[in-house]
Amino acid sequence: MASPEPRLGDLIEIFRPFYRHWAVYVGGGYVVHLAPSSEIPGAGGASIMSAVADRAIVKKERLRDVVGRDPYRINNKHDDKYNPFPPNKIIQRAEELVGQEFCYSLTSQNCEHFVNELRYGVSRSDQVRDAVTAATISGVCLIALFAGAMFSRNKKQNQ
């Protein structure tokens, strides 16, 4: 699933087991990304512990080191909704943040929020939205199943 050589300012989506990690390409084979200190570059599933972190550091690392053995792709999926900043501005903003530590929240301040803010000026995470939607649908289905079972049970008792 590896993509062609990214262009400056492209968003890179890395498919870790159980979640997606995001970075922005800044050239020369390097990316900038928001990584909890427990994130181990290229660790794949081992970095799932980053989900419980509350602090994260902006890092500039080689794309191949961040990706490790996980598949990745270029994914500028919101270019049709938002105007991306010019590549030089995306890179400047990203590199100014390298080394800084931020609050980290899986639901409101994660790596996907970070890269979307850099590229579009909009902090958003579709994987959080998708997870909430899936949980909501699952909950509604469970309620419907429970209600159906109760209805069926009551119907049998009344016969």
Protein backbone atom coordinates (compact mmCIF):
# COMPACT_ATOMS: atom_id res chain seq x y z
CA MET A 1 0.00 0.00 0.00
CA ALA A 2 3.05 2.26 -0.18
CA SER A 3 2.46 5.40 -2.20
CA PRO A 4 4.62 7.17 -4.72
CA GLU A 5 7.08 9.77 -3.43
CA PRO A 6 5.08 12.30 -1.43
CA ARG A 7 5.04 15.98 -2.31
CA LEU A 8 5.83 18.72 0.18
CA GLY A 9 2.95 19.20 2.60
CA ASP A 10 1.26 15.89 1.80
CA LEU A 11 -0.46 14.06 4.64
CA ILE A 12 0.77 10.52 5.22
CA GLU A 13 -1.64 7.96 6.66
CA ILE A 14 0.13 5.01 8.30
CA PHE A 15 -1.90 1.88 8.95
CA ARG A 16 -0.94 0.60 12.38
CA PRO A 17 -2.75 -2.42 13.78
CA PHE A 18 -5.93 -1.08 15.46
CA TYR A 19 -5.47 2.59 14.43
CA ARG A 20 -3.99 5.00 11.89
CA HIS A 21 -1.03 7.27 12.59
CA TRP A 22 -0.64 10.53 10.65
CA ALA A 23 2.33 12.65 9.60
CA VAL A 24 3.03 15.52 7.20
CA TYR A 25 5.78 15.22 4.58
CA VAL A 26 8.37 18.00 4.83
CA GLY A 27 10.85 16.84 2.16
CA GLY A 28 14.12 14.96 1.92
CA GLY A 29 12.47 11.74 3.14
CA TYR A 30 11.33 13.36 6.43
CA VAL A 31 7.96 13.80 8.09
CA VAL A 32 6.78 15.79 11.07
CA HIS A 33 4.27 14.11 13.37
CA LEU A 34 2.77 14.31 16.83
CA ALA A 35 3.84 11.28 18.81
CA PRO A 36 3.24 10.40 22.44
CA SER A 37 6.55 9.71 24.15
CA SER A 38 5.52 6.06 24.39
CA GLU A 39 5.26 5.85 20.57
CA ILE A 40 8.05 3.67 19.23
CA PRO A 41 8.82 4.45 15.57
CA GLY A 42 8.00 1.48 13.36
CA ALA A 43 6.67 -0.50 16.31
CA GLY A 44 3.28 -1.14 14.79
CA GLY A 45 0.93 -2.71 17.32
CA ALA A 46 3.40 -2.15 20.17
CA SER A 47 2.70 1.56 19.95
CA ILE A 48 -0.99 1.07 20.79
CA MET A 49 0.00 2.10 24.33
CA SER A 50 0.24 5.64 22.96
CA ALA A 51 -3.57 5.70 23.22
CA VAL A 52 -3.32 6.28 26.97
CA ALA A 53 -0.71 9.05 26.80
CA ASP A 54 -1.62 12.57 27.88
CA ARG A 55 1.46 14.37 26.47
CA ALA A 56 3.00 14.21 23.01
CA ILE A 57 6.06 15.63 21.27
CA VAL A 58 6.29 16.99 17.75
CA LYS A 59 9.00 14.99 16.02
CA LYS A 60 10.82 15.26 12.72
CA GLU A 61 11.91 11.80 11.61
CA ARG A 62 12.59 9.84 8.46
CA LEU A 63 9.39 8.62 6.85
CA ARG A 64 10.73 5.08 6.59
CA ASP A 65 11.55 5.05 10.33
CA VAL A 66 8.09 6.28 11.32
CA VAL A 67 6.37 3.83 8.96
CA GLY A 68 8.47 0.81 9.89
CA ARG A 69 6.84 -2.25 8.32
CA ASP A 70 3.34 -0.81 8.29
CA PRO A 71 1.62 0.11 5.02
CA TYR A 72 1.01 3.78 4.32
CA ARG A 73 -0.40 6.12 1.71
CA ILE A 74 -0.59 9.78 0.80
CA ASN A 75 -4.02 10.94 1.92
CA ASN A 76 -4.96 14.57 1.43
CA LYS A 77 -8.60 13.57 1.81
CA HIS A 78 -9.95 16.98 2.78
CA ASP A 79 -8.56 18.95 -0.17
CA ASP A 80 -12.07 19.00 -1.63
CA LYS A 81 -13.52 20.51 1.58
CA TYR A 82 -10.76 22.90 2.66
CA ASN A 83 -8.12 24.90 0.85
CA PRO A 84 -4.74 23.58 1.92
CA PHE A 85 -2.09 26.10 2.87
CA PRO A 86 0.77 26.47 0.38
CA PRO A 87 3.38 23.71 0.89
CA ASN A 88 6.05 26.13 2.13
CA LYS A 89 3.67 27.43 4.82
CA ILE A 90 2.72 23.87 5.89
CA ILE A 91 6.39 22.96 6.21
CA GLN A 92 7.28 26.18 8.02
CA ARG A 93 4.46 25.71 10.52
CA ALA A 94 5.40 22.05 11.05
CA GLU A 95 9.11 22.65 11.54
CA GLU A 96 8.51 25.53 13.96
CA LEU A 97 6.72 23.05 16.23
CA VAL A 98 9.40 20.32 16.21
CA GLY A 99 10.53 19.53 19.74
CA GLN A 100 7.53 21.13 21.41
CA GLU A 101 5.38 19.14 23.81
CA PHE A 102 1.59 19.33 23.73
CA CYS A 103 -1.36 17.90 25.59
CA TYR A 104 -2.47 14.72 23.85
CA SER A 105 -5.95 13.29 23.75
CA LEU A 106 -7.00 10.35 21.63
CA THR A 107 -10.38 11.98 21.03
CA SER A 108 -9.57 15.69 20.65
CA GLN A 109 -5.83 16.33 20.19
CA ASN A 110 -4.27 13.39 18.36
CA CYS A 111 -1.88 13.05 15.43
CA GLU A 112 -4.69 13.34 12.87
CA HIS A 113 -5.97 16.57 14.44
CA PHE A 114 -2.37 17.82 14.37
CA VAL A 115 -1.68 17.22 10.65
CA ASN A 116 -5.08 18.52 9.55
CA GLU A 117 -4.42 21.70 11.51
CA LEU A 118 -1.06 22.07 9.74
CA ARG A 119 -2.42 21.46 6.22
CA TYR A 120 -5.86 23.09 6.42
CA GLY A 121 -5.98 25.13 9.61
CA VAL A 122 -8.79 22.80 10.74
CA SER A 123 -8.33 20.42 13.65
CA ARG A 124 -10.29 17.26 12.90
CA SER A 125 -9.97 13.51 13.17
CA ASP A 126 -12.15 11.28 11.05
CA GLN A 127 -11.03 8.13 12.84
CA VAL A 128 -12.44 9.56 16.09
CA ARG A 129 -15.69 10.50 14.33
CA ASP A 130 -15.87 7.06 12.70
CA ALA A 131 -15.26 5.30 16.03
CA VAL A 132 -17.99 7.34 17.74
CA THR A 133 -20.39 6.62 14.87
CA ALA A 134 -19.61 2.89 15.00
CA ALA A 135 -20.10 2.83 18.76
CA THR A 136 -23.41 4.68 18.43
CA ILE A 137 -24.66 2.31 15.73
CA SER A 138 -23.56 -0.68 17.81
CA GLY A 139 -25.38 0.70 20.83
CA VAL A 140 -28.58 1.29 18.85
CA CYS A 141 -28.36 -2.24 17.42
CA LEU A 142 -27.90 -3.72 20.89
CA ILE A 143 -30.89 -1.79 22.18
CA ALA A 144 -32.98 -2.95 19.20
CA LEU A 145 -31.91 -6.57 19.76
CA PHE A 146 -32.72 -6.34 23.46
CA ALA A 147 -36.09 -4.75 22.76
CA GLY A 148 -36.86 -7.43 20.17
CA ALA A 149 -35.91 -10.19 22.58
CA MET A 150 -38.06 -8.67 25.32
CA PHE A 151 -41.00 -8.28 22.93
CA SER A 152 -40.64 -11.90 21.81
CA ARG A 153 -40.38 -13.11 25.43
CA ASN A 154 -43.46 -11.14 26.47
CA LYS A 155 -45.38 -12.40 23.45
CA LYS A 156 -44.58 -16.03 24.34
CA GLN A 157 -45.60 -15.47 27.97
CA ASN A 158 -48.92 -13.99 26.92
CA GLN A 159 -49.83 -16.95 24.67
